[in-house]
Protein backbone atom coordinates (compact mmCIF):
# COMPACT_ATOMS: atom_id res chain seq x y z
CA UNK A 1 82.06 132.04 66.94
CA UNK A 2 83.57 135.98 67.80
CA UNK A 3 82.81 137.40 70.58
CA UNK A 4 82.41 141.27 71.13
CA UNK A 5 85.03 141.17 74.39
CA UNK A 6 83.57 144.79 74.88
CA UNK A 7 80.02 143.72 75.71
CA UNK A 8 81.35 140.68 77.45
CA UNK A 9 83.62 142.78 79.99
CA UNK A 10 82.55 146.55 80.90
CA UNK A 11 81.56 148.49 83.62
CA UNK A 12 78.15 147.37 83.42
CA UNK A 13 79.58 142.94 83.67
CA UNK A 14 78.60 141.61 87.01
CA UNK A 15 79.65 138.12 86.80
CA UNK A 16 80.32 135.02 85.03
CA UNK A 17 78.53 131.98 85.72
CA UNK A 18 78.94 128.19 84.68
CA UNK A 19 76.21 126.82 83.04
CA UNK A 20 75.62 123.24 81.19
CA UNK A 21 74.05 122.84 77.88
CA UNK A 22 72.32 119.61 77.40
CA UNK A 23 75.01 117.92 75.52
CA UNK A 24 77.20 118.19 78.88
CA UNK A 25 79.45 121.22 77.73
CA UNK A 26 80.00 124.10 79.51
CA UNK A 27 79.31 128.00 78.68
CA UNK A 28 79.11 131.09 80.52
CA UNK A 29 76.44 132.85 81.37
CA UNK A 30 77.48 136.77 81.25
CA UNK A 31 75.35 138.81 83.70
CA UNK A 32 75.54 142.16 83.07
CA UNK A 33 73.06 145.08 84.16
CA UNK A 34 71.77 145.73 81.12
CA UNK A 35 70.81 141.98 80.24
CA UNK A 36 72.75 138.58 80.01
CA UNK A 37 74.58 136.84 77.27
CA UNK A 38 75.96 133.56 76.54
CA UNK A 39 79.31 132.81 75.59
CA UNK A 40 80.20 128.87 74.45
CA UNK A 41 83.26 128.99 76.87
CA UNK A 42 83.84 128.32 80.49
CA UNK A 43 83.95 131.34 82.93
CA UNK A 44 87.82 130.75 83.71
CA UNK A 45 88.51 130.37 80.04
CA UNK A 46 86.59 133.19 78.96
CA UNK A 47 88.05 135.62 82.00
CA UNK A 48 91.45 134.27 80.13
CA UNK A 49 90.21 135.63 76.86
CA UNK A 50 88.88 138.78 78.26
CA UNK A 51 92.54 139.56 79.73
CA UNK A 52 94.37 138.53 76.75
CA UNK A 53 91.64 141.24 75.02
CA UNK A 54 92.94 143.73 77.62
CA UNK A 55 96.42 142.90 77.23
CA UNK A 56 97.16 140.43 79.46
CA UNK A 57 96.62 136.70 80.63
CA UNK A 58 95.08 134.80 83.37
CA UNK A 59 98.21 133.57 84.23
CA UNK A 60 100.17 137.13 83.99
CA UNK A 61 97.46 138.75 85.91
CA UNK A 62 97.53 136.28 88.53
CA UNK A 63 101.29 136.20 88.30
CA UNK A 64 101.23 140.50 88.89
CA UNK A 65 98.54 140.22 91.70
CA UNK A 66 101.45 137.53 93.23
CA UNK A 67 103.96 140.25 92.68
CA UNK A 68 101.80 142.93 94.88
CA UNK A 69 99.63 141.09 97.50
CA UNK A 70 102.12 138.10 97.95
CA UNK A 71 101.76 134.08 97.35
CA UNK A 72 97.55 134.18 98.31
CA UNK A 73 95.22 131.46 96.94
CA UNK A 74 92.50 132.38 94.24
CA UNK A 75 94.10 135.79 93.19
CA UNK A 76 92.23 138.90 92.25
CA UNK A 77 93.31 139.48 89.12
CA UNK A 78 93.22 143.32 87.49
CA UNK A 79 91.15 143.13 84.28
CA UNK A 80 91.62 146.69 83.18
CA UNK A 81 93.08 149.64 85.75
CA UNK A 82 91.74 152.18 83.54
CA UNK A 83 88.10 151.07 83.57
CA UNK A 84 88.11 150.18 87.44
CA UNK A 85 87.67 146.49 86.51
CA UNK A 86 89.18 143.89 89.05
CA UNK A 87 87.55 140.59 89.17
CA UNK A 88 87.94 137.37 91.68
CA UNK A 89 86.83 133.87 91.46
CA UNK A 90 84.55 132.13 93.76
CA UNK A 91 86.08 128.93 94.22
CA UNK A 92 89.33 127.46 92.09
CA UNK A 93 89.39 128.80 88.78
CA UNK A 94 90.18 125.35 87.67
CA UNK A 95 87.04 124.03 89.19
CA UNK A 96 84.06 123.92 86.25
CA UNK A 97 81.71 125.64 89.36
CA UNK A 98 83.59 128.96 89.60
CA UNK A 99 82.37 131.73 89.47
CA UNK A 100 83.82 135.24 88.73
CA UNK A 101 82.35 138.24 90.27
CA UNK A 102 83.24 141.74 89.40
CA UNK A 103 84.62 143.60 92.89
CA UNK A 104 82.68 146.82 91.82
CA UNK A 105 79.67 145.45 91.42
CA UNK A 106 79.34 143.91 94.86
CA UNK A 107 77.04 145.14 97.19
CA UNK A 108 76.61 142.90 100.27
CA UNK A 109 76.70 139.06 101.11
CA UNK A 110 75.06 137.61 104.11
CA UNK A 111 75.08 133.86 105.38
CA UNK A 112 72.67 131.40 105.21
CA UNK A 113 74.36 128.66 107.16
CA UNK A 114 78.18 127.80 107.35
CA UNK A 115 78.47 126.78 103.88
CA UNK A 116 75.98 128.86 101.84
CA UNK A 117 75.65 133.00 101.26
CA UNK A 118 73.80 135.02 99.31
CA UNK A 119 75.75 137.65 97.19
CA UNK A 120 73.90 141.10 96.23
CA UNK A 121 74.76 142.89 93.49
CA UNK A 122 74.90 146.68 93.11
CA UNK A 123 71.51 146.20 90.72
CA UNK A 124 69.51 144.21 93.17
CA UNK A 125 70.58 140.65 91.55
CA UNK A 126 71.02 138.24 94.06
CA UNK A 127 72.96 134.85 93.76
CA UNK A 128 73.51 131.82 96.23
CA UNK A 129 76.67 130.19 96.52
CA UNK A 130 78.70 127.57 97.99
CA UNK A 131 81.28 129.30 99.89
CA UNK A 132 81.52 130.61 103.79
CA UNK A 133 80.82 133.93 104.55
CA UNK A 134 84.63 134.43 105.70
CA UNK A 135 85.72 132.66 102.88
CA UNK A 136 83.80 135.21 100.13
CA UNK A 137 84.93 138.23 102.78
CA UNK A 138 88.75 137.51 102.61
CA UNK A 139 88.12 137.47 98.61
CA UNK A 140 86.51 140.49 98.83
CA UNK A 141 89.08 142.16 100.84
CA UNK A 142 91.86 140.84 98.67
CA UNK A 143 90.03 142.43 95.61
CA UNK A 144 89.76 145.71 97.74
CA UNK A 145 93.54 145.26 98.36
CA UNK A 146 94.63 144.97 94.64
CA UNK A 147 92.36 148.04 94.12
CA UNK A 148 93.87 150.14 96.42
CA UNK A 149 97.54 149.07 95.61
CA UNK A 150 96.92 149.36 91.45
CA UNK A 151 94.92 152.90 91.88
CA UNK A 152 96.72 153.89 94.98
CA UNK A 153 100.25 154.23 92.88
CA UNK A 154 101.33 157.86 92.09
CA UNK A 155 101.31 158.99 88.44
CA UNK A 156 104.33 159.60 86.41
CA UNK A 157 105.52 163.10 87.26
CA UNK A 158 107.44 165.33 85.01
CA UNK A 159 110.71 166.66 87.34
CA UNK A 160 111.09 170.45 86.79
CA UNK A 161 114.83 169.92 86.07
CA UNK A 162 115.68 166.89 84.00
CA UNK A 163 118.76 165.20 82.29
CA UNK A 164 119.22 164.50 78.94
CA UNK A 165 121.54 162.45 77.14
CA UNK A 166 123.01 162.37 73.87
CA UNK A 167 123.81 158.31 73.18
CA UNK A 168 126.43 157.70 70.54
CA UNK A 169 128.04 154.40 69.44
CA UNK A 170 130.94 154.72 67.57
CA UNK A 171 132.34 152.44 64.67
CA UNK A 172 134.85 149.65 66.15
CA UNK A 173 133.26 150.11 69.62
CA UNK A 174 130.80 147.72 70.85
CA UNK A 175 129.78 150.03 73.61
CA UNK A 176 128.00 153.15 73.38
CA UNK A 177 128.95 156.60 75.07
CA UNK A 178 126.22 158.36 76.66
CA UNK A 179 127.47 162.14 77.53
CA UNK A 180 124.64 163.87 79.85
CA UNK A 181 123.61 167.60 79.01
CA UNK A 182 120.69 170.10 80.78
CA UNK A 183 118.42 172.29 78.75
């Protein structure tokens, strides 16, 4: 089955929620502001496929986050910096109960008790999650920190004075001659 990744992950995507089919296999409910869709992959496998579609992988995205934020557990990931899509797992991505949230869709979260919260999304969707308020708050803040680090980087700027090079390899030499010249 071919998956339309543009429908699975875009600015309207809210979260990936696990669901077990009658045969015991795991699939994902992709919750979006314009409706939901089912995908026959686990939420973490789907996140990896989405990241591959956008030019990375779950391992690569986690490695990138580790480089930026340090060695933290359950790292948020950059899905698409261009589209402003950042996601984070509710629990270990290896756990089949893992829910992947899109950072920009979270409106608020409130503790029900010590180990359960209600997360309200920007469109009013609410989900009960088995985690502490403190743990979820830390994950939201890490995703926010990642977003600020990524989007706060200066864009490439061309300087007024540039050096150009003429690079030439001589026939019987292993090295290149690199000569500067100014235009």
